[in-house]
Amino acid sequence: MLVIKRFIIAFILLVVVCGGIVGFNLFRDNAMQQFFATMKPPAATVSTMIVKPTEWTPGVE
């Protein structure tokens, strides 16, 4: 009888530990999905220059 009681207690603890690991992984995956779904893309970098009119010279120098 004592062996069966210990086995049941050990089995319950094993189920709780495995369930906790699986539950944590599911929670973590869901949290990462939610984080990346609401993340805004970074602003695009734009370069500008001041242009001046010049004479066009056809050909390669």
N, C-alpha and C. Protein backbone atom coordinates (compact mmCIF):
# COMPACT_ATOMS: atom_id res chain seq x y z
N MET A 1 0.83 -1.20 0.00
CA MET A 1 0.00 0.00 0.00
C MET A 1 0.87 1.26 0.00
N LEU A 2 1.96 1.23 0.74
CA LEU A 2 2.84 2.40 0.84
C LEU A 2 3.52 2.68 -0.50
N VAL A 3 3.85 1.60 -1.24
CA VAL A 3 4.51 1.77 -2.53
C VAL A 3 3.55 2.42 -3.53
N ILE A 4 2.30 2.02 -3.51
CA ILE A 4 1.31 2.59 -4.42
C ILE A 4 1.08 4.07 -4.10
N LYS A 5 1.06 4.41 -2.82
CA LYS A 5 0.88 5.81 -2.42
C LYS A 5 2.04 6.67 -2.92
N ARG A 6 3.26 6.16 -2.76
CA ARG A 6 4.43 6.90 -3.23
C ARG A 6 4.41 7.06 -4.75
N PHE A 7 4.01 5.98 -5.43
CA PHE A 7 3.93 6.03 -6.88
C PHE A 7 2.91 7.07 -7.34
N ILE A 8 1.78 7.13 -6.69
CA ILE A 8 0.74 8.10 -7.05
C ILE A 8 1.24 9.52 -6.80
N ILE A 9 1.89 9.75 -5.67
CA ILE A 9 2.43 11.08 -5.36
C ILE A 9 3.49 11.48 -6.38
N ALA A 10 4.40 10.54 -6.71
CA ALA A 10 5.46 10.84 -7.68
C ALA A 10 4.86 11.11 -9.06
N PHE A 11 3.83 10.35 -9.43
CA PHE A 11 3.19 10.55 -10.73
C PHE A 11 2.50 11.91 -10.79
N ILE A 12 1.83 12.28 -9.72
CA ILE A 12 1.16 13.59 -9.68
C ILE A 12 2.19 14.72 -9.78
N LEU A 13 3.30 14.60 -9.07
CA LEU A 13 4.35 15.62 -9.15
C LEU A 13 4.94 15.69 -10.55
N LEU A 14 5.12 14.53 -11.19
CA LEU A 14 5.65 14.50 -12.55
C LEU A 14 4.69 15.20 -13.52
N VAL A 15 3.41 14.94 -13.37
CA VAL A 15 2.41 15.58 -14.23
C VAL A 15 2.40 17.09 -14.00
N VAL A 16 2.52 17.53 -12.76
CA VAL A 16 2.52 18.96 -12.46
C VAL A 16 3.75 19.64 -13.06
N VAL A 17 4.92 19.01 -12.93
CA VAL A 17 6.15 19.61 -13.47
C VAL A 17 6.10 19.66 -15.00
N CYS A 18 5.72 18.55 -15.63
CA CYS A 18 5.63 18.53 -17.10
C CYS A 18 4.56 19.51 -17.60
N GLY A 19 3.44 19.57 -16.91
CA GLY A 19 2.40 20.52 -17.28
C GLY A 19 2.86 21.96 -17.14
N GLY A 20 3.65 22.23 -16.11
CA GLY A 20 4.19 23.57 -15.93
C GLY A 20 5.15 23.95 -17.04
N ILE A 21 5.99 23.01 -17.46
CA ILE A 21 6.94 23.29 -18.54
C ILE A 21 6.20 23.55 -19.85
N VAL A 22 5.24 22.68 -20.17
CA VAL A 22 4.48 22.85 -21.41
C VAL A 22 3.67 24.15 -21.35
N GLY A 23 3.04 24.42 -20.22
CA GLY A 23 2.25 25.64 -20.08
C GLY A 23 3.10 26.89 -20.21
N PHE A 24 4.30 26.87 -19.64
CA PHE A 24 5.19 28.03 -19.74
C PHE A 24 5.61 28.25 -21.19
N ASN A 25 5.93 27.17 -21.91
CA ASN A 25 6.33 27.31 -23.32
C ASN A 25 5.18 27.86 -24.16
N LEU A 26 3.97 27.41 -23.92
CA LEU A 26 2.82 27.94 -24.65
C LEU A 26 2.59 29.41 -24.32
N PHE A 27 2.72 29.77 -23.05
CA PHE A 27 2.57 31.17 -22.64
C PHE A 27 3.64 32.04 -23.29
N ARG A 28 4.89 31.57 -23.30
CA ARG A 28 5.99 32.34 -23.88
C ARG A 28 5.78 32.54 -25.38
N ASP A 29 5.38 31.47 -26.09
CA ASP A 29 5.14 31.60 -27.53
C ASP A 29 4.01 32.58 -27.82
N ASN A 30 2.96 32.51 -27.04
CA ASN A 30 1.83 33.42 -27.22
C ASN A 30 2.24 34.87 -26.94
N ALA A 31 3.04 35.08 -25.90
CA ALA A 31 3.49 36.44 -25.56
C ALA A 31 4.37 37.00 -26.67
N MET A 32 5.26 36.17 -27.24
CA MET A 32 6.12 36.66 -28.32
C MET A 32 5.30 36.98 -29.56
N GLN A 33 4.32 36.14 -29.89
CA GLN A 33 3.45 36.43 -31.03
C GLN A 33 2.73 37.75 -30.84
N GLN A 34 2.21 37.97 -29.67
CA GLN A 34 1.47 39.20 -29.39
C GLN A 34 2.40 40.41 -29.45
N PHE A 35 3.63 40.27 -28.95
CA PHE A 35 4.58 41.37 -28.97
C PHE A 35 4.94 41.75 -30.41
N PHE A 36 5.26 40.77 -31.23
CA PHE A 36 5.67 41.07 -32.60
C PHE A 36 4.49 41.51 -33.46
N ALA A 37 3.28 41.09 -33.13
CA ALA A 37 2.10 41.51 -33.90
C ALA A 37 1.80 42.98 -33.68
N THR A 38 2.10 43.50 -32.50
CA THR A 38 1.79 44.90 -32.20
C THR A 38 2.99 45.82 -32.37
N MET A 39 4.13 45.27 -32.78
CA MET A 39 5.34 46.08 -32.93
C MET A 39 5.26 46.89 -34.22
N LYS A 40 5.53 48.19 -34.12
CA LYS A 40 5.51 49.06 -35.30
C LYS A 40 6.83 48.92 -36.05
N PRO A 41 6.80 48.98 -37.38
CA PRO A 41 8.05 48.93 -38.13
C PRO A 41 8.85 50.22 -37.90
N PRO A 42 10.17 50.14 -37.96
CA PRO A 42 10.97 51.35 -37.74
C PRO A 42 10.77 52.36 -38.87
N ALA A 43 11.00 53.61 -38.55
CA ALA A 43 10.85 54.67 -39.54
C ALA A 43 11.91 54.52 -40.62
N ALA A 44 11.52 54.78 -41.86
CA ALA A 44 12.45 54.66 -42.98
C ALA A 44 13.37 55.88 -43.00
N THR A 45 14.65 55.64 -43.24
CA THR A 45 15.62 56.72 -43.31
C THR A 45 15.63 57.28 -44.73
N VAL A 46 15.56 58.61 -44.83
CA VAL A 46 15.54 59.27 -46.14
C VAL A 46 16.69 60.27 -46.19
N SER A 47 17.49 60.18 -47.25
CA SER A 47 18.58 61.14 -47.45
C SER A 47 18.13 62.22 -48.42
N THR A 48 18.55 63.45 -48.16
CA THR A 48 18.21 64.55 -49.06
C THR A 48 19.46 65.32 -49.44
N MET A 49 19.39 65.98 -50.59
CA MET A 49 20.50 66.82 -51.05
C MET A 49 19.91 68.09 -51.64
N ILE A 50 20.66 69.16 -51.55
CA ILE A 50 20.27 70.41 -52.21
C ILE A 50 20.85 70.36 -53.62
N VAL A 51 20.01 70.56 -54.62
CA VAL A 51 20.48 70.48 -56.01
C VAL A 51 20.57 71.88 -56.61
N LYS A 52 21.49 72.02 -57.53
CA LYS A 52 21.68 73.29 -58.23
C LYS A 52 21.64 73.01 -59.73
N PRO A 53 21.09 73.93 -60.49
CA PRO A 53 21.08 73.72 -61.95
C PRO A 53 22.49 73.86 -62.51
N THR A 54 22.85 72.97 -63.42
CA THR A 54 24.17 73.03 -64.07
C THR A 54 23.98 72.72 -65.55
N GLU A 55 25.02 72.97 -66.33
CA GLU A 55 25.02 72.66 -67.76
C GLU A 55 25.23 71.16 -67.93
N TRP A 56 24.44 70.60 -68.84
CA TRP A 56 24.58 69.16 -69.11
C TRP A 56 25.64 68.96 -70.18
N THR A 57 26.61 68.11 -69.88
CA THR A 57 27.63 67.79 -70.87
C THR A 57 27.48 66.33 -71.25
N PRO A 58 27.00 66.07 -72.45
CA PRO A 58 26.84 64.68 -72.85
C PRO A 58 28.19 64.01 -73.05
N GLY A 59 28.33 62.82 -72.57
CA GLY A 59 29.58 62.08 -72.72
C GLY A 59 30.17 61.73 -71.36
N VAL A 60 31.19 60.92 -71.43
CA VAL A 60 31.86 60.47 -70.21
C VAL A 60 33.18 61.19 -70.10
N GLU A 61 33.48 61.68 -68.96
CA GLU A 61 34.74 62.41 -68.76
C GLU A 61 35.85 61.46 -68.39
